[in-house]
N, C-alpha and C. Protein backbone atom coordinates (compact mmCIF):
# COMPACT_ATOMS: atom_id res chain seq x y z
N MET A 1 132.85 204.06 94.34
CA MET A 1 131.49 203.57 94.50
C MET A 1 130.60 204.19 93.42
N ASP A 2 129.64 203.43 92.98
CA ASP A 2 128.71 204.03 92.03
C ASP A 2 127.70 204.90 92.79
N GLN A 3 126.85 205.59 92.06
CA GLN A 3 125.97 206.57 92.70
C GLN A 3 125.00 205.95 93.69
N ASP A 4 124.45 204.79 93.39
CA ASP A 4 123.52 204.15 94.32
C ASP A 4 124.23 203.71 95.59
N ALA A 5 125.44 203.19 95.43
CA ALA A 5 126.21 202.71 96.59
C ALA A 5 126.59 203.86 97.51
N ILE A 6 127.03 204.99 96.96
CA ILE A 6 127.45 206.10 97.82
C ILE A 6 126.26 206.69 98.56
N VAL A 7 125.12 206.77 97.91
CA VAL A 7 123.92 207.29 98.58
C VAL A 7 123.52 206.35 99.72
N LYS A 8 123.54 205.06 99.47
CA LYS A 8 123.20 204.08 100.51
C LYS A 8 124.21 204.13 101.65
N PHE A 9 125.49 204.26 101.30
CA PHE A 9 126.54 204.34 102.31
C PHE A 9 126.32 205.55 103.22
N ILE A 10 126.04 206.69 102.65
CA ILE A 10 125.82 207.91 103.44
C ILE A 10 124.55 207.79 104.27
N GLU A 11 123.53 207.22 103.70
CA GLU A 11 122.29 207.00 104.44
C GLU A 11 122.54 206.18 105.70
N ASN A 12 123.30 205.11 105.57
CA ASN A 12 123.59 204.25 106.72
C ASN A 12 124.58 204.88 107.68
N LEU A 13 125.52 205.65 107.16
CA LEU A 13 126.45 206.36 108.04
C LEU A 13 125.71 207.41 108.88
N CYS A 14 124.69 208.03 108.31
CA CYS A 14 123.85 208.97 109.09
C CYS A 14 123.14 208.23 110.22
N LYS A 15 122.63 207.03 109.94
CA LYS A 15 121.96 206.25 110.97
C LYS A 15 122.92 205.88 112.10
N VAL A 16 124.12 205.46 111.74
CA VAL A 16 125.12 205.11 112.76
C VAL A 16 125.49 206.35 113.57
N SER A 17 125.65 207.47 112.90
CA SER A 17 125.98 208.72 113.59
C SER A 17 124.89 209.08 114.60
N LYS A 18 123.64 208.96 114.20
CA LYS A 18 122.53 209.25 115.12
C LYS A 18 122.60 208.36 116.35
N GLU A 19 122.88 207.08 116.13
CA GLU A 19 122.98 206.15 117.26
C GLU A 19 124.12 206.53 118.19
N GLU A 20 125.26 206.92 117.61
CA GLU A 20 126.40 207.32 118.43
C GLU A 20 126.08 208.57 119.25
N LEU A 21 125.32 209.47 118.68
CA LEU A 21 125.02 210.73 119.36
C LEU A 21 123.88 210.61 120.37
N GLU A 22 123.16 209.51 120.37
CA GLU A 22 122.05 209.32 121.32
C GLU A 22 122.53 209.10 122.74
N ASN A 23 123.75 208.66 122.91
CA ASN A 23 124.32 208.45 124.24
C ASN A 23 124.49 209.82 124.91
N LYS A 24 123.63 210.13 125.86
CA LYS A 24 123.64 211.47 126.48
C LYS A 24 124.87 211.72 127.34
N GLU A 25 125.40 210.68 127.96
CA GLU A 25 126.57 210.85 128.83
C GLU A 25 127.87 210.98 128.05
N ASN A 26 127.98 210.24 126.95
CA ASN A 26 129.22 210.25 126.19
C ASN A 26 128.93 210.10 124.69
N PRO A 27 128.37 211.15 124.08
CA PRO A 27 128.08 211.05 122.64
C PRO A 27 129.38 210.99 121.84
N ARG A 28 129.39 210.16 120.79
CA ARG A 28 130.59 210.02 119.96
C ARG A 28 130.39 210.76 118.65
N LYS A 29 131.46 211.40 118.16
CA LYS A 29 131.41 212.16 116.92
C LYS A 29 132.09 211.43 115.76
N PHE A 30 132.54 210.22 115.98
CA PHE A 30 133.33 209.53 114.96
C PHE A 30 132.61 209.48 113.61
N SER A 31 131.40 208.98 113.58
CA SER A 31 130.67 208.85 112.31
C SER A 31 130.31 210.21 111.74
N LEU A 32 130.05 211.18 112.59
CA LEU A 32 129.77 212.53 112.13
C LEU A 32 130.99 213.10 111.41
N GLN A 33 132.17 212.87 111.97
CA GLN A 33 133.41 213.31 111.32
C GLN A 33 133.61 212.61 109.98
N ARG A 34 133.29 211.31 109.93
CA ARG A 34 133.43 210.58 108.67
C ARG A 34 132.44 211.11 107.62
N LEU A 35 131.25 211.52 108.06
CA LEU A 35 130.28 212.10 107.13
C LEU A 35 130.82 213.36 106.48
N VAL A 36 131.48 214.19 107.27
CA VAL A 36 132.07 215.42 106.74
C VAL A 36 133.13 215.07 105.70
N GLU A 37 133.96 214.09 106.00
CA GLU A 37 135.01 213.68 105.07
C GLU A 37 134.42 213.11 103.78
N VAL A 38 133.41 212.26 103.92
CA VAL A 38 132.77 211.66 102.75
C VAL A 38 132.10 212.74 101.90
N ALA A 39 131.46 213.70 102.54
CA ALA A 39 130.83 214.80 101.80
C ALA A 39 131.87 215.59 101.02
N ASP A 40 132.97 215.89 101.68
CA ASP A 40 134.05 216.64 101.03
C ASP A 40 134.58 215.89 99.81
N LEU A 41 134.78 214.60 99.94
CA LEU A 41 135.34 213.81 98.86
C LEU A 41 134.36 213.56 97.71
N ASN A 42 133.08 213.77 97.95
CA ASN A 42 132.08 213.47 96.92
C ASN A 42 131.39 214.70 96.34
N MET A 43 131.88 215.88 96.65
CA MET A 43 131.30 217.11 96.11
C MET A 43 131.42 217.21 94.60
N GLU A 44 132.37 216.53 94.04
CA GLU A 44 132.61 216.63 92.60
C GLU A 44 131.72 215.69 91.78
N ARG A 45 130.87 214.95 92.43
CA ARG A 45 129.95 214.07 91.69
C ARG A 45 128.96 214.92 90.90
N ILE A 46 128.31 214.29 89.94
CA ILE A 46 127.34 215.03 89.15
C ILE A 46 126.26 215.60 90.06
N ARG A 47 125.64 216.67 89.62
CA ARG A 47 124.70 217.41 90.48
C ARG A 47 123.55 216.56 90.97
N PHE A 48 123.05 215.68 90.15
CA PHE A 48 121.94 214.81 90.55
C PHE A 48 122.31 213.95 91.75
N VAL A 49 123.49 213.37 91.71
CA VAL A 49 123.95 212.52 92.81
C VAL A 49 124.25 213.38 94.03
N TRP A 50 124.92 214.52 93.83
CA TRP A 50 125.22 215.41 94.95
C TRP A 50 123.94 215.87 95.62
N GLN A 51 122.88 216.11 94.85
CA GLN A 51 121.60 216.52 95.42
C GLN A 51 121.04 215.44 96.34
N MET A 52 121.13 214.19 95.95
CA MET A 52 120.66 213.09 96.80
C MET A 52 121.50 212.99 98.07
N ILE A 53 122.82 213.13 97.90
CA ILE A 53 123.72 213.09 99.05
C ILE A 53 123.41 214.24 99.99
N TRP A 54 123.26 215.44 99.43
CA TRP A 54 123.04 216.62 100.25
C TRP A 54 121.72 216.54 101.02
N GLN A 55 120.70 215.96 100.41
CA GLN A 55 119.42 215.81 101.11
C GLN A 55 119.60 215.01 102.40
N LEU A 56 120.35 213.93 102.32
CA LEU A 56 120.61 213.11 103.51
C LEU A 56 121.44 213.89 104.53
N LEU A 57 122.49 214.53 104.05
CA LEU A 57 123.39 215.26 104.95
C LEU A 57 122.69 216.44 105.61
N SER A 58 121.93 217.20 104.85
CA SER A 58 121.28 218.38 105.43
C SER A 58 120.29 217.99 106.52
N ASP A 59 119.53 216.92 106.30
CA ASP A 59 118.62 216.44 107.34
C ASP A 59 119.39 216.06 108.60
N HIS A 60 120.51 215.37 108.39
CA HIS A 60 121.31 214.93 109.54
C HIS A 60 121.93 216.13 110.27
N PHE A 61 122.47 217.08 109.52
CA PHE A 61 123.07 218.26 110.16
C PHE A 61 122.03 219.10 110.89
N CYS A 62 120.81 219.17 110.39
CA CYS A 62 119.75 219.87 111.11
C CYS A 62 119.48 219.19 112.45
N HIS A 63 119.44 217.87 112.42
CA HIS A 63 119.21 217.10 113.65
C HIS A 63 120.36 217.31 114.64
N VAL A 64 121.59 217.17 114.16
CA VAL A 64 122.76 217.25 115.04
C VAL A 64 123.01 218.69 115.50
N GLY A 65 122.67 219.66 114.67
CA GLY A 65 122.86 221.06 115.03
C GLY A 65 122.01 221.50 116.21
N SER A 66 120.99 220.73 116.52
CA SER A 66 120.15 221.05 117.68
C SER A 66 120.36 220.04 118.81
N HIS A 67 121.50 219.39 118.81
CA HIS A 67 121.84 218.39 119.84
C HIS A 67 121.90 219.08 121.21
N PRO A 68 121.42 218.42 122.27
CA PRO A 68 121.45 219.03 123.61
C PRO A 68 122.87 219.31 124.12
N ASN A 69 123.85 218.56 123.66
CA ASN A 69 125.24 218.80 124.04
C ASN A 69 125.77 219.93 123.16
N LEU A 70 126.06 221.05 123.75
CA LEU A 70 126.48 222.23 123.00
C LEU A 70 127.72 221.98 122.16
N MET A 71 128.66 221.20 122.65
CA MET A 71 129.89 220.94 121.90
C MET A 71 129.60 220.15 120.62
N ILE A 72 128.65 219.24 120.68
CA ILE A 72 128.26 218.47 119.50
C ILE A 72 127.59 219.40 118.49
N ALA A 73 126.67 220.22 118.97
CA ALA A 73 125.96 221.15 118.08
C ALA A 73 126.94 222.12 117.41
N ILE A 74 127.88 222.65 118.18
CA ILE A 74 128.88 223.57 117.62
C ILE A 74 129.74 222.85 116.58
N PHE A 75 130.14 221.62 116.86
CA PHE A 75 130.92 220.86 115.90
C PHE A 75 130.15 220.68 114.59
N ALA A 76 128.87 220.36 114.70
CA ALA A 76 128.04 220.15 113.50
C ALA A 76 127.92 221.43 112.69
N ILE A 77 127.67 222.54 113.35
CA ILE A 77 127.52 223.82 112.64
C ILE A 77 128.84 224.23 112.01
N ASP A 78 129.94 224.05 112.71
CA ASP A 78 131.25 224.39 112.16
C ASP A 78 131.59 223.50 110.97
N SER A 79 131.27 222.24 111.06
CA SER A 79 131.51 221.32 109.93
C SER A 79 130.69 221.73 108.73
N LEU A 80 129.46 222.11 108.97
CA LEU A 80 128.58 222.57 107.90
C LEU A 80 129.15 223.83 107.24
N ARG A 81 129.69 224.73 108.03
CA ARG A 81 130.30 225.95 107.49
C ARG A 81 131.50 225.60 106.63
N GLN A 82 132.34 224.68 107.10
CA GLN A 82 133.51 224.27 106.33
C GLN A 82 133.12 223.63 105.00
N LEU A 83 132.08 222.80 105.02
CA LEU A 83 131.61 222.18 103.79
C LEU A 83 131.07 223.23 102.82
N ALA A 84 130.35 224.21 103.34
CA ALA A 84 129.82 225.28 102.49
C ALA A 84 130.97 226.06 101.86
N ASP A 85 131.99 226.36 102.64
CA ASP A 85 133.16 227.07 102.10
C ASP A 85 133.80 226.27 100.96
N LYS A 86 133.99 224.99 101.16
CA LYS A 86 134.61 224.15 100.13
C LYS A 86 133.72 224.06 98.89
N PHE A 87 132.41 223.98 99.11
CA PHE A 87 131.49 223.89 97.99
C PHE A 87 131.53 225.17 97.16
N LEU A 88 131.59 226.31 97.83
CA LEU A 88 131.60 227.58 97.11
C LEU A 88 132.93 227.85 96.41
N LEU A 89 133.98 227.14 96.78
CA LEU A 89 135.28 227.30 96.13
C LEU A 89 135.43 226.41 94.89
N LYS A 90 134.40 225.65 94.57
CA LYS A 90 134.45 224.80 93.38
C LYS A 90 134.64 225.68 92.15
N ALA A 91 135.31 225.14 91.16
CA ALA A 91 135.65 225.90 89.95
C ALA A 91 134.43 226.49 89.26
N GLU A 92 133.31 225.80 89.27
CA GLU A 92 132.13 226.31 88.56
C GLU A 92 131.55 227.57 89.19
N PHE A 93 131.93 227.86 90.46
CA PHE A 93 131.42 229.06 91.12
C PHE A 93 132.43 230.20 91.15
N MET A 94 133.63 229.98 90.62
CA MET A 94 134.68 230.99 90.71
C MET A 94 134.35 232.28 89.97
N SER A 95 133.47 232.23 88.99
CA SER A 95 133.13 233.44 88.23
C SER A 95 132.06 234.29 88.93
N PHE A 96 131.45 233.77 89.99
CA PHE A 96 130.45 234.53 90.72
C PHE A 96 131.12 235.41 91.76
N ASN A 97 130.54 236.57 91.99
CA ASN A 97 131.04 237.47 93.04
C ASN A 97 130.14 237.31 94.25
N PHE A 98 130.67 236.73 95.30
CA PHE A 98 129.88 236.53 96.53
C PHE A 98 130.13 237.66 97.48
């Protein structure tokens, strides 16, 4: 996908994820899981595009991280941690001492 298409795709996937999570009795994590996968696969895009993607994702993760269902919130925070770990393992950061 080109940069405009991937940003639009993630924007709409965030909307679908929000709708799935609004069901208080049985919230679904399917789209949230796909967002994590899409983020992982698109980390290597140029910084400008990744910044647009990350803006959408960070807003969504903030929303989901405060979900009333504790299991959903924990899943979101854990997914965010995993994405951060993968991001920090990118080759361009290997020379930094964390």
